[in-house]
Amino acid sequence: MANRDLPLRLRLRDRLTSVRRAVLRRRRTLAVLCTVAAVAAGVRAAAPPAAPTVEVLVAASDLPAGARLDSGDLGTIALTPDAVPDGALDDADDATGSILAAPVRAGEPVTDVRLVGPGLTEGAPGTVALPVRLSDAAQAGLLEVGDAIDLLATDPESRSTITVASGALVLAVPDVEQDAPDAIPGRIVVLGIPAAAVAEVTGSAVTAFVTYAWANR
């Protein structure tokens, strides 16, 4: 028998039954969605707040020892405070124009001890960072940061040689170009020298032929 031939009461009952089923289905869907939303909100509420960060300078690319930094050599990275190295620089103006005392890898934070300057002797009480001109530029080029050397001074007249500093630490080997025709021969290196030996080393650099020997450590 066709649906339209059913008594009105039966047709209404069937229609109401269909409506109730549709409402129940929608209620189930809504209940699931509400549950998912509640769980997501609970997870967000329980998650710890984002840790604070600090912007520090990093090398934008691999840089060699002796490089003079410009703004293109530097970038920044956000680190949590406990991940920031001691002496890390956060202002490009503090590093631009400085000379690297040692090679730096891309992405490595730039710290004060990576730059030629007073910070090189950090952690070595009684030691002074002293630029010393070695007489033989080629010999100076063999040095690497971290080498320990005995500094030797040879009197050009008597040809006698004395040790003017023992166990001096090579802090930097700047690659400074000498374009001027009247440039002084040799090459400057930065050494960690005991404060008591500074005067003798400085005087020898002016009056003697200064070389070195690798020290036994």
N, C-alpha and C. Protein backbone atom coordinates (compact mmCIF):
# COMPACT_ATOMS: atom_id res chain seq x y z
N MET A 1 0.85 -1.19 0.00
CA MET A 1 0.00 0.00 0.00
C MET A 1 0.88 1.23 0.00
N ALA A 2 0.61 2.18 -0.86
CA ALA A 2 1.40 3.40 -0.99
C ALA A 2 1.34 4.19 0.29
N ASN A 3 2.43 4.99 0.53
CA ASN A 3 2.53 5.75 1.78
C ASN A 3 1.39 6.75 1.92
N ARG A 4 0.94 7.33 0.77
CA ARG A 4 -0.12 8.33 0.85
C ARG A 4 -1.45 7.72 1.21
N ASP A 5 -1.55 6.40 1.05
CA ASP A 5 -2.80 5.74 1.39
C ASP A 5 -2.87 5.39 2.87
N LEU A 6 -1.74 5.56 3.62
CA LEU A 6 -1.76 5.26 5.04
C LEU A 6 -2.59 6.30 5.77
N PRO A 7 -3.16 5.90 6.85
CA PRO A 7 -3.89 6.88 7.66
C PRO A 7 -2.96 8.00 8.08
N LEU A 8 -3.51 9.18 8.24
CA LEU A 8 -2.72 10.36 8.60
C LEU A 8 -1.94 10.13 9.87
N ARG A 9 -2.52 9.46 10.83
CA ARG A 9 -1.83 9.24 12.10
C ARG A 9 -0.57 8.42 11.91
N LEU A 10 -0.64 7.41 11.05
CA LEU A 10 0.54 6.57 10.82
C LEU A 10 1.62 7.35 10.08
N ARG A 11 1.16 8.19 9.10
CA ARG A 11 2.14 8.96 8.36
C ARG A 11 2.87 9.95 9.27
N LEU A 12 2.12 10.58 10.17
CA LEU A 12 2.74 11.51 11.11
C LEU A 12 3.71 10.79 12.04
N ARG A 13 3.33 9.58 12.48
CA ARG A 13 4.22 8.83 13.37
C ARG A 13 5.52 8.47 12.66
N ASP A 14 5.40 8.04 11.39
CA ASP A 14 6.61 7.71 10.63
C ASP A 14 7.49 8.95 10.44
N ARG A 15 6.82 10.10 10.15
CA ARG A 15 7.58 11.32 9.95
C ARG A 15 8.31 11.73 11.23
N LEU A 16 7.64 11.64 12.36
CA LEU A 16 8.26 12.00 13.64
C LEU A 16 9.41 11.05 13.99
N THR A 17 9.20 9.77 13.67
CA THR A 17 10.27 8.80 13.94
C THR A 17 11.52 9.14 13.13
N SER A 18 11.32 9.51 11.87
CA SER A 18 12.46 9.88 11.02
C SER A 18 13.16 11.12 11.55
N VAL A 19 12.36 12.09 11.99
CA VAL A 19 12.94 13.33 12.54
C VAL A 19 13.74 13.04 13.79
N ARG A 20 13.16 12.19 14.70
CA ARG A 20 13.88 11.86 15.93
C ARG A 20 15.20 11.16 15.63
N ARG A 21 15.21 10.26 14.67
CA ARG A 21 16.45 9.56 14.31
C ARG A 21 17.49 10.54 13.78
N ALA A 22 17.04 11.47 12.93
CA ALA A 22 17.97 12.46 12.39
C ALA A 22 18.55 13.33 13.49
N VAL A 23 17.67 13.73 14.44
CA VAL A 23 18.15 14.55 15.56
C VAL A 23 19.14 13.78 16.41
N LEU A 24 18.87 12.50 16.67
CA LEU A 24 19.79 11.68 17.46
C LEU A 24 21.15 11.56 16.78
N ARG A 25 21.12 11.36 15.45
CA ARG A 25 22.39 11.26 14.73
C ARG A 25 23.18 12.56 14.85
N ARG A 26 22.48 13.67 14.70
CA ARG A 26 23.18 14.96 14.81
C ARG A 26 23.69 15.18 16.23
N ARG A 27 22.90 14.75 17.21
CA ARG A 27 23.35 14.90 18.60
C ARG A 27 24.63 14.11 18.86
N ARG A 28 24.67 12.89 18.31
CA ARG A 28 25.89 12.09 18.49
C ARG A 28 27.09 12.79 17.86
N THR A 29 26.88 13.30 16.64
CA THR A 29 27.98 14.00 15.96
C THR A 29 28.42 15.22 16.75
N LEU A 30 27.43 15.98 17.23
CA LEU A 30 27.77 17.17 18.02
C LEU A 30 28.47 16.79 19.31
N ALA A 31 28.04 15.69 19.93
CA ALA A 31 28.68 15.26 21.17
C ALA A 31 30.14 14.89 20.95
N VAL A 32 30.39 14.19 19.83
CA VAL A 32 31.77 13.82 19.51
C VAL A 32 32.61 15.07 19.28
N LEU A 33 32.08 16.02 18.51
CA LEU A 33 32.81 17.25 18.23
C LEU A 33 33.08 18.04 19.50
N CYS A 34 32.08 18.10 20.38
CA CYS A 34 32.27 18.82 21.65
C CYS A 34 33.33 18.15 22.51
N THR A 35 33.32 16.80 22.50
CA THR A 35 34.33 16.08 23.29
C THR A 35 35.73 16.36 22.76
N VAL A 36 35.89 16.30 21.43
CA VAL A 36 37.19 16.59 20.82
C VAL A 36 37.64 18.00 21.16
N ALA A 37 36.72 18.96 21.06
CA ALA A 37 37.07 20.35 21.36
C ALA A 37 37.47 20.51 22.81
N ALA A 38 36.75 19.82 23.70
CA ALA A 38 37.08 19.92 25.13
C ALA A 38 38.45 19.33 25.42
N VAL A 39 38.75 18.19 24.78
CA VAL A 39 40.07 17.58 24.99
C VAL A 39 41.17 18.50 24.48
N ALA A 40 40.97 19.07 23.28
CA ALA A 40 41.98 19.97 22.72
C ALA A 40 42.19 21.19 23.61
N ALA A 41 41.09 21.73 24.13
CA ALA A 41 41.21 22.88 25.02
C ALA A 41 41.95 22.51 26.30
N GLY A 42 41.69 21.30 26.80
CA GLY A 42 42.37 20.85 28.01
C GLY A 42 43.86 20.67 27.78
N VAL A 43 44.22 20.14 26.60
CA VAL A 43 45.64 19.96 26.29
C VAL A 43 46.34 21.31 26.21
N ARG A 44 45.68 22.28 25.55
CA ARG A 44 46.27 23.61 25.46
C ARG A 44 46.42 24.25 26.82
N ALA A 45 45.42 24.05 27.66
CA ALA A 45 45.47 24.65 29.00
C ALA A 45 46.56 24.02 29.85
N ALA A 46 46.79 22.71 29.64
CA ALA A 46 47.78 22.00 30.46
C ALA A 46 49.20 22.21 29.95
N ALA A 47 49.36 22.62 28.68
CA ALA A 47 50.70 22.79 28.12
C ALA A 47 51.41 23.96 28.80
N PRO A 48 52.71 23.79 29.09
CA PRO A 48 53.46 24.88 29.74
C PRO A 48 53.61 26.06 28.79
N PRO A 49 53.72 27.26 29.32
CA PRO A 49 53.91 28.43 28.45
C PRO A 49 55.24 28.35 27.72
N ALA A 50 55.31 28.98 26.57
CA ALA A 50 56.55 28.97 25.79
C ALA A 50 57.67 29.62 26.58
N ALA A 51 58.85 28.99 26.54
CA ALA A 51 60.01 29.51 27.28
C ALA A 51 60.47 30.82 26.64
N PRO A 52 60.92 31.77 27.45
CA PRO A 52 61.44 33.03 26.90
C PRO A 52 62.72 32.77 26.12
N THR A 53 62.99 33.60 25.15
CA THR A 53 64.19 33.44 24.33
C THR A 53 64.98 34.74 24.28
N VAL A 54 66.24 34.60 23.90
CA VAL A 54 67.15 35.74 23.78
C VAL A 54 67.78 35.70 22.39
N GLU A 55 67.84 36.84 21.72
CA GLU A 55 68.47 36.92 20.40
C GLU A 55 69.98 37.10 20.57
N VAL A 56 70.77 36.24 19.92
CA VAL A 56 72.23 36.36 19.95
C VAL A 56 72.77 36.34 18.52
N LEU A 57 73.96 36.90 18.36
CA LEU A 57 74.60 36.92 17.05
C LEU A 57 75.20 35.57 16.71
N VAL A 58 75.08 35.17 15.45
CA VAL A 58 75.73 33.95 14.96
C VAL A 58 76.41 34.27 13.64
N ALA A 59 77.35 33.41 13.28
CA ALA A 59 78.01 33.55 11.98
C ALA A 59 77.04 33.13 10.88
N ALA A 60 76.94 33.94 9.84
CA ALA A 60 76.03 33.63 8.74
C ALA A 60 76.60 32.55 7.82
N SER A 61 77.92 32.33 7.88
CA SER A 61 78.58 31.31 7.07
C SER A 61 79.87 30.92 7.78
N ASP A 62 80.55 29.90 7.27
CA ASP A 62 81.85 29.54 7.83
C ASP A 62 82.82 30.70 7.61
N LEU A 63 83.49 31.11 8.68
CA LEU A 63 84.41 32.25 8.61
C LEU A 63 85.78 31.83 9.11
N PRO A 64 86.85 32.25 8.43
CA PRO A 64 88.20 31.86 8.85
C PRO A 64 88.75 32.79 9.92
N ALA A 65 89.77 32.31 10.62
CA ALA A 65 90.49 33.17 11.56
C ALA A 65 91.10 34.34 10.80
N GLY A 66 91.07 35.51 11.42
CA GLY A 66 91.62 36.70 10.78
C GLY A 66 90.62 37.47 9.95
N ALA A 67 89.41 36.93 9.76
CA ALA A 67 88.41 37.64 8.97
C ALA A 67 87.94 38.88 9.73
N ARG A 68 87.78 39.98 9.00
CA ARG A 68 87.22 41.19 9.59
C ARG A 68 85.72 41.17 9.35
N LEU A 69 84.94 41.21 10.40
CA LEU A 69 83.50 41.02 10.30
C LEU A 69 82.80 42.25 9.75
N ASP A 70 81.82 42.01 8.88
CA ASP A 70 80.90 43.08 8.50
C ASP A 70 79.48 42.57 8.71
N SER A 71 78.51 43.42 8.47
CA SER A 71 77.13 43.06 8.79
C SER A 71 76.65 41.83 8.03
N GLY A 72 77.19 41.61 6.82
CA GLY A 72 76.78 40.45 6.04
C GLY A 72 77.28 39.13 6.58
N ASP A 73 78.26 39.19 7.47
CA ASP A 73 78.81 37.96 8.06
C ASP A 73 78.01 37.48 9.25
N LEU A 74 77.04 38.28 9.69
CA LEU A 74 76.36 38.01 10.95
C LEU A 74 74.86 37.81 10.75
N GLY A 75 74.30 36.97 11.59
CA GLY A 75 72.86 36.77 11.66
C GLY A 75 72.46 36.68 13.12
N THR A 76 71.21 36.34 13.37
CA THR A 76 70.76 36.18 14.75
C THR A 76 70.00 34.87 14.89
N ILE A 77 69.94 34.39 16.11
CA ILE A 77 69.18 33.19 16.43
C ILE A 77 68.59 33.37 17.82
N ALA A 78 67.40 32.81 18.04
CA ALA A 78 66.74 32.90 19.34
C ALA A 78 67.08 31.65 20.15
N LEU A 79 67.64 31.86 21.33
CA LEU A 79 67.99 30.77 22.22
C LEU A 79 67.34 30.99 23.58
N THR A 80 67.04 29.89 24.27
CA THR A 80 66.58 30.03 25.65
C THR A 80 67.75 30.53 26.50
N PRO A 81 67.47 31.27 27.56
CA PRO A 81 68.56 31.85 28.35
C PRO A 81 69.61 30.85 28.81
N ASP A 82 69.19 29.63 29.15
CA ASP A 82 70.18 28.65 29.63
C ASP A 82 71.04 28.08 28.51
N ALA A 83 70.68 28.35 27.25
CA ALA A 83 71.47 27.86 26.12
C ALA A 83 72.41 28.93 25.56
N VAL A 84 72.35 30.12 26.10
CA VAL A 84 73.20 31.21 25.60
C VAL A 84 74.61 31.06 26.17
N PRO A 85 75.64 30.96 25.33
CA PRO A 85 77.02 30.83 25.83
C PRO A 85 77.45 32.08 26.58
N ASP A 86 78.35 31.90 27.53
CA ASP A 86 78.92 33.05 28.22
C ASP A 86 79.63 33.96 27.21
N GLY A 87 79.43 35.25 27.35
CA GLY A 87 80.10 36.20 26.47
C GLY A 87 79.48 36.34 25.10
N ALA A 88 78.29 35.74 24.88
CA ALA A 88 77.65 35.85 23.56
C ALA A 88 77.26 37.30 23.29
N LEU A 89 77.46 37.73 22.05
CA LEU A 89 77.13 39.10 21.65
C LEU A 89 75.72 39.14 21.08
N ASP A 90 75.01 40.23 21.36
CA ASP A 90 73.65 40.36 20.84
C ASP A 90 73.45 41.61 20.00
N ASP A 91 74.49 42.40 19.84
CA ASP A 91 74.40 43.64 19.06
C ASP A 91 75.45 43.60 17.95
N ALA A 92 74.98 43.69 16.71
CA ALA A 92 75.91 43.62 15.57
C ALA A 92 76.95 44.73 15.61
N ASP A 93 76.60 45.86 16.19
CA ASP A 93 77.57 46.97 16.27
C ASP A 93 78.78 46.60 17.11
N ASP A 94 78.60 45.67 18.07
CA ASP A 94 79.71 45.26 18.93
C ASP A 94 80.71 44.36 18.20
N ALA A 95 80.27 43.76 17.09
CA ALA A 95 81.13 42.81 16.38
C ALA A 95 81.61 43.33 15.03
N THR A 96 80.82 44.18 14.40
CA THR A 96 81.19 44.68 13.08
C THR A 96 82.53 45.41 13.12
N GLY A 97 83.43 45.02 12.23
CA GLY A 97 84.76 45.62 12.18
C GLY A 97 85.79 44.88 13.00
N SER A 98 85.34 43.94 13.85
CA SER A 98 86.28 43.17 14.67
C SER A 98 86.93 42.06 13.84
N ILE A 99 88.06 41.58 14.33
CA ILE A 99 88.79 40.50 13.65
C ILE A 99 88.61 39.21 14.42
N LEU A 100 88.28 38.15 13.69
CA LEU A 100 88.10 36.84 14.33
C LEU A 100 89.44 36.28 14.77
N ALA A 101 89.48 35.81 16.00
CA ALA A 101 90.70 35.21 16.53
C ALA A 101 90.80 33.74 16.16
N ALA A 102 89.68 33.14 15.79
CA ALA A 102 89.66 31.71 15.45
C ALA A 102 88.54 31.46 14.45
N PRO A 103 88.59 30.35 13.72
CA PRO A 103 87.51 30.06 12.77
C PRO A 103 86.18 29.90 13.49
N VAL A 104 85.11 30.25 12.79
CA VAL A 104 83.76 30.13 13.33
C VAL A 104 82.90 29.43 12.28
N ARG A 105 82.13 28.44 12.73
CA ARG A 105 81.24 27.72 11.83
C ARG A 105 79.93 28.48 11.64
N ALA A 106 79.28 28.25 10.50
CA ALA A 106 77.98 28.87 10.24
C ALA A 106 77.00 28.48 11.34
N GLY A 107 76.30 29.46 11.87
CA GLY A 107 75.32 29.21 12.92
C GLY A 107 75.88 29.21 14.32
N GLU A 108 77.20 29.32 14.44
CA GLU A 108 77.83 29.32 15.78
C GLU A 108 77.69 30.70 16.42
N PRO A 109 77.25 30.76 17.69
CA PRO A 109 77.17 32.06 18.36
C PRO A 109 78.54 32.74 18.42
N VAL A 110 78.54 34.04 18.22
CA VAL A 110 79.77 34.83 18.28
C VAL A 110 79.95 35.33 19.71
N THR A 111 81.05 34.94 20.34
CA THR A 111 81.33 35.36 21.71
C THR A 111 82.55 36.27 21.75
N ASP A 112 82.74 36.89 22.91
CA ASP A 112 83.85 37.84 23.03
C ASP A 112 85.21 37.18 22.83
N VAL A 113 85.34 35.91 23.19
CA VAL A 113 86.64 35.25 23.07
C VAL A 113 86.94 34.83 21.63
N ARG A 114 85.97 35.00 20.73
CA ARG A 114 86.22 34.72 19.31
C ARG A 114 86.81 35.92 18.59
N LEU A 115 86.84 37.06 19.26
CA LEU A 115 87.30 38.29 18.63
C LEU A 115 88.63 38.73 19.22
N VAL A 116 89.47 39.30 18.37
CA VAL A 116 90.74 39.83 18.86
C VAL A 116 90.45 41.00 19.78
N GLY A 117 90.92 40.90 21.03
CA GLY A 117 90.67 41.94 22.01
C GLY A 117 90.91 41.43 23.41
N PRO A 118 90.57 42.22 24.42
CA PRO A 118 90.83 41.85 25.81
C PRO A 118 90.16 40.54 26.23
N GLY A 119 89.03 40.21 25.61
CA GLY A 119 88.31 39.01 26.01
C GLY A 119 89.06 37.72 25.74
N LEU A 120 90.13 37.77 24.96
CA LEU A 120 90.88 36.56 24.62
C LEU A 120 91.52 35.91 25.84
N THR A 121 91.82 36.69 26.85
CA THR A 121 92.48 36.12 28.04
C THR A 121 91.48 35.80 29.14
N GLU A 122 90.21 35.79 28.81
CA GLU A 122 89.20 35.44 29.81
C GLU A 122 89.49 34.06 30.37
N GLY A 123 89.50 33.95 31.67
CA GLY A 123 89.76 32.66 32.31
C GLY A 123 91.22 32.35 32.51
N ALA A 124 92.11 33.29 32.20
CA ALA A 124 93.55 33.08 32.40
C ALA A 124 94.11 34.24 33.22
N PRO A 125 93.91 34.22 34.53
CA PRO A 125 94.38 35.33 35.38
C PRO A 125 95.90 35.51 35.25
N GLY A 126 96.32 36.76 35.24
CA GLY A 126 97.75 37.06 35.15
C GLY A 126 98.29 37.03 33.75
N THR A 127 97.42 36.77 32.77
CA THR A 127 97.85 36.71 31.37
C THR A 127 97.36 37.95 30.63
N VAL A 128 98.22 38.47 29.77
CA VAL A 128 97.89 39.65 28.98
C VAL A 128 97.87 39.27 27.51
N ALA A 129 96.86 39.75 26.78
CA ALA A 129 96.81 39.55 25.33
C ALA A 129 97.71 40.59 24.68
N LEU A 130 98.79 40.14 24.06
CA LEU A 130 99.80 41.06 23.52
C LEU A 130 100.03 40.80 22.04
N PRO A 131 99.86 41.81 21.18
CA PRO A 131 100.23 41.65 19.77
C PRO A 131 101.76 41.65 19.66
N VAL A 132 102.29 40.64 19.02
CA VAL A 132 103.74 40.51 18.87
C VAL A 132 104.05 40.32 17.38
N ARG A 133 104.98 41.11 16.88
CA ARG A 133 105.37 40.95 15.47
C ARG A 133 106.50 39.94 15.37
N LEU A 134 106.18 38.79 14.79
CA LEU A 134 107.22 37.80 14.51
C LEU A 134 107.97 38.22 13.26
N SER A 135 109.26 38.04 13.28
CA SER A 135 110.10 38.56 12.19
C SER A 135 109.90 37.82 10.88
N ASP A 136 109.56 36.54 10.95
CA ASP A 136 109.40 35.72 9.75
C ASP A 136 107.90 35.48 9.53
N ALA A 137 107.33 36.16 8.53
CA ALA A 137 105.90 36.04 8.28
C ALA A 137 105.50 34.62 7.90
N ALA A 138 106.36 33.94 7.14
CA ALA A 138 106.04 32.56 6.74
C ALA A 138 106.00 31.65 7.95
N GLN A 139 106.92 31.84 8.89
CA GLN A 139 106.91 31.03 10.09
C GLN A 139 105.67 31.34 10.93
N ALA A 140 105.30 32.59 10.99
CA ALA A 140 104.10 32.97 11.74
C ALA A 140 102.86 32.31 11.16
N GLY A 141 102.85 32.12 9.84
CA GLY A 141 101.70 31.51 9.19
C GLY A 141 101.48 30.05 9.54
N LEU A 142 102.48 29.42 10.16
CA LEU A 142 102.34 28.02 10.57
C LEU A 142 101.56 27.88 11.88
N LEU A 143 101.40 28.98 12.58
CA LEU A 143 100.75 28.92 13.89
C LEU A 143 99.24 28.77 13.76
N GLU A 144 98.67 28.12 14.75
CA GLU A 144 97.22 28.00 14.85
C GLU A 144 96.80 28.43 16.24
N VAL A 145 95.57 28.94 16.32
CA VAL A 145 95.04 29.34 17.62
C VAL A 145 95.05 28.15 18.57
N GLY A 146 95.57 28.38 19.77
CA GLY A 146 95.66 27.32 20.76
C GLY A 146 97.05 26.73 20.90
N ASP A 147 97.94 27.03 19.94
CA ASP A 147 99.33 26.55 20.05
C ASP A 147 100.01 27.19 21.26
N ALA A 148 100.89 26.43 21.88
CA ALA A 148 101.75 26.97 22.94
C ALA A 148 103.16 27.06 22.39
N ILE A 149 103.77 28.23 22.53
CA ILE A 149 105.10 28.44 21.95
C ILE A 149 106.04 29.09 22.97
N ASP A 150 107.32 28.83 22.76
CA ASP A 150 108.36 29.57 23.47
C ASP A 150 108.84 30.67 22.53
N LEU A 151 108.80 31.90 23.00
CA LEU A 151 109.17 33.04 22.17
C LEU A 151 110.67 33.29 22.29
N LEU A 152 111.35 33.33 21.15
CA LEU A 152 112.81 33.46 21.11
C LEU A 152 113.20 34.79 20.48
N ALA A 153 114.22 35.42 21.04
CA ALA A 153 114.73 36.68 20.51
C ALA A 153 116.22 36.54 20.22
N THR A 154 116.61 36.81 18.99
CA THR A 154 118.02 36.71 18.57
C THR A 154 118.58 38.11 18.32
N ASP A 155 119.66 38.42 19.01
CA ASP A 155 120.32 39.72 18.83
C ASP A 155 121.03 39.72 17.48
N PRO A 156 120.72 40.66 16.59
CA PRO A 156 121.33 40.65 15.25
C PRO A 156 122.84 40.89 15.27
N GLU A 157 123.37 41.47 16.31
CA GLU A 157 124.81 41.74 16.37
C GLU A 157 125.57 40.58 17.00
N SER A 158 125.15 40.18 18.19
CA SER A 158 125.87 39.09 18.87
C SER A 158 125.41 37.72 18.40
N ARG A 159 124.24 37.68 17.76
CA ARG A 159 123.64 36.42 17.29
C ARG A 159 123.33 35.47 18.43
N SER A 160 123.25 35.99 19.60
CA SER A 160 122.84 35.17 20.75
C SER A 160 121.32 35.15 20.83
N THR A 161 120.79 34.03 21.27
CA THR A 161 119.34 33.86 21.35
C THR A 161 118.93 33.58 22.79
N ILE A 162 117.88 34.25 23.22
CA ILE A 162 117.34 34.00 24.55
C ILE A 162 115.84 33.73 24.44
N THR A 163 115.32 33.05 25.44
CA THR A 163 113.88 32.82 25.52
C THR A 163 113.27 33.97 26.33
N VAL A 164 112.36 34.70 25.71
CA VAL A 164 111.76 35.85 26.39
C VAL A 164 110.38 35.54 26.96
N ALA A 165 109.78 34.43 26.55
CA ALA A 165 108.50 34.00 27.11
C ALA A 165 108.34 32.51 26.86
N SER A 166 107.96 31.80 27.88
CA SER A 166 107.78 30.34 27.75
C SER A 166 106.29 30.00 27.83
N GLY A 167 105.89 29.07 26.97
CA GLY A 167 104.50 28.60 27.01
C GLY A 167 103.47 29.65 26.66
N ALA A 168 103.86 30.61 25.82
CA ALA A 168 102.89 31.64 25.40
C ALA A 168 101.80 30.98 24.55
N LEU A 169 100.56 31.37 24.80
CA LEU A 169 99.43 30.78 24.09
C LEU A 169 99.04 31.64 22.90
N VAL A 170 98.94 31.00 21.74
CA VAL A 170 98.52 31.73 20.53
C VAL A 170 97.01 31.97 20.61
N LEU A 171 96.65 33.24 20.69
CA LEU A 171 95.24 33.62 20.81
C LEU A 171 94.61 33.98 19.48
N ALA A 172 95.41 34.51 18.57
CA ALA A 172 94.88 34.90 17.27
C ALA A 172 96.02 35.04 16.28
N VAL A 173 95.70 34.72 15.02
CA VAL A 173 96.67 34.91 13.93
C VAL A 173 95.96 35.73 12.86
N PRO A 174 95.82 37.04 13.07
CA PRO A 174 95.08 37.87 12.12
C PRO A 174 95.75 37.87 10.75
N ASP A 175 94.92 37.80 9.73
CA ASP A 175 95.43 37.83 8.35
C ASP A 175 95.35 39.27 7.85
N VAL A 176 96.32 40.07 8.26
CA VAL A 176 96.33 41.49 7.92
C VAL A 176 97.15 41.70 6.65
N GLU A 177 96.52 42.32 5.66
CA GLU A 177 97.23 42.57 4.40
C GLU A 177 98.22 43.72 4.57
N GLN A 178 99.35 43.59 3.91
CA GLN A 178 100.37 44.63 3.94
C GLN A 178 100.54 45.19 2.53
N ASP A 179 99.71 46.17 2.22
CA ASP A 179 99.75 46.76 0.88
C ASP A 179 100.77 47.89 0.77
N ALA A 180 101.06 48.54 1.88
CA ALA A 180 101.97 49.69 1.84
C ALA A 180 103.39 49.23 1.53
N PRO A 181 104.10 49.94 0.64
CA PRO A 181 105.47 49.54 0.28
C PRO A 181 106.44 49.64 1.46
N ASP A 182 106.11 50.50 2.44
CA ASP A 182 107.01 50.67 3.58
C ASP A 182 106.54 49.89 4.80
N ALA A 183 105.69 48.88 4.58
CA ALA A 183 105.18 48.09 5.70
C ALA A 183 106.32 47.36 6.40
N ILE A 184 106.20 47.24 7.71
CA ILE A 184 107.23 46.56 8.49
C ILE A 184 107.19 45.07 8.17
N PRO A 185 108.34 44.44 7.93
CA PRO A 185 108.36 43.00 7.64
C PRO A 185 107.84 42.19 8.82
N GLY A 186 107.46 40.96 8.52
CA GLY A 186 106.98 40.07 9.57
C GLY A 186 105.47 40.00 9.60
N ARG A 187 104.97 39.44 10.68
CA ARG A 187 103.52 39.29 10.82
C ARG A 187 103.15 39.31 12.29
N ILE A 188 102.06 40.01 12.57
CA ILE A 188 101.61 40.11 13.96
C ILE A 188 100.76 38.91 14.33
N VAL A 189 101.02 38.37 15.50
CA VAL A 189 100.16 37.36 16.12
C VAL A 189 99.81 37.89 17.51
N VAL A 190 98.70 37.42 18.03
CA VAL A 190 98.29 37.82 19.38
C VAL A 190 98.57 36.65 20.32
N LEU A 191 99.38 36.93 21.34
CA LEU A 191 99.82 35.89 22.27
C LEU A 191 99.33 36.18 23.68
N GLY A 192 99.04 35.12 24.40
CA GLY A 192 98.76 35.24 25.82
C GLY A 192 100.08 35.16 26.58
N ILE A 193 100.52 36.28 27.12
CA ILE A 193 101.84 36.40 27.75
C ILE A 193 101.66 36.68 29.24
N PRO A 194 102.46 36.05 30.11
CA PRO A 194 102.42 36.43 31.52
C PRO A 194 102.69 37.93 31.66
N ALA A 195 101.95 38.58 32.51
CA ALA A 195 102.09 40.03 32.66
C ALA A 195 103.53 40.44 32.96
N ALA A 196 104.25 39.62 33.70
CA ALA A 196 105.63 39.96 34.08
C ALA A 196 106.58 39.95 32.89
N ALA A 197 106.20 39.30 31.79
CA ALA A 197 107.11 39.18 30.64
C ALA A 197 106.80 40.19 29.54
N VAL A 198 105.76 40.99 29.72
CA VAL A 198 105.33 41.88 28.65
C VAL A 198 106.42 42.86 28.24
N ALA A 199 107.09 43.48 29.20
CA ALA A 199 108.10 44.49 28.87
C ALA A 199 109.25 43.88 28.07
N GLU A 200 109.72 42.72 28.48
CA GLU A 200 110.85 42.11 27.77
C GLU A 200 110.45 41.68 26.36
N VAL A 201 109.24 41.12 26.24
CA VAL A 201 108.78 40.69 24.91
C VAL A 201 108.63 41.90 23.99
N THR A 202 108.05 42.96 24.50
CA THR A 202 107.85 44.16 23.69
C THR A 202 109.18 44.76 23.25
N GLY A 203 110.13 44.82 24.16
CA GLY A 203 111.44 45.35 23.80
C GLY A 203 112.15 44.49 22.77
N SER A 204 112.04 43.19 22.91
CA SER A 204 112.69 42.28 21.97
C SER A 204 112.10 42.41 20.57
N ALA A 205 110.79 42.66 20.50
CA ALA A 205 110.14 42.78 19.19
C ALA A 205 110.67 43.99 18.42
N VAL A 206 111.24 44.95 19.14
CA VAL A 206 111.77 46.15 18.50
C VAL A 206 113.24 46.01 18.14
N THR A 207 114.00 45.32 18.98
CA THR A 207 115.46 45.30 18.81
C THR A 207 116.03 43.98 18.31
N ALA A 208 115.22 42.92 18.31
CA ALA A 208 115.76 41.59 17.99
C ALA A 208 114.95 40.92 16.89
N PHE A 209 115.51 39.81 16.40
CA PHE A 209 114.82 38.96 15.42
C PHE A 209 114.01 37.94 16.24
N VAL A 210 112.68 38.07 16.20
CA VAL A 210 111.81 37.28 17.08
C VAL A 210 111.23 36.10 16.32
N THR A 211 111.47 34.91 16.84
CA THR A 211 110.91 33.68 16.28
C THR A 211 110.29 32.89 17.43
N TYR A 212 110.00 31.62 17.17
CA TYR A 212 109.40 30.80 18.22
C TYR A 212 109.77 29.34 18.02
N ALA A 213 109.53 28.58 19.06
CA ALA A 213 109.59 27.12 18.99
C ALA A 213 108.34 26.60 19.68
N TRP A 214 107.75 25.55 19.14
CA TRP A 214 106.58 24.98 19.80
C TRP A 214 106.99 24.45 21.17
N ALA A 215 106.20 24.75 22.16
CA ALA A 215 106.52 24.35 23.53
C ALA A 215 105.96 22.98 23.82
N ASN A 216 106.63 22.24 24.69
CA ASN A 216 106.11 20.97 25.17
C ASN A 216 105.13 21.26 26.30
N ARG A 217 103.90 20.72 26.18
CA ARG A 217 102.89 20.98 27.21
C ARG A 217 102.41 19.67 27.79
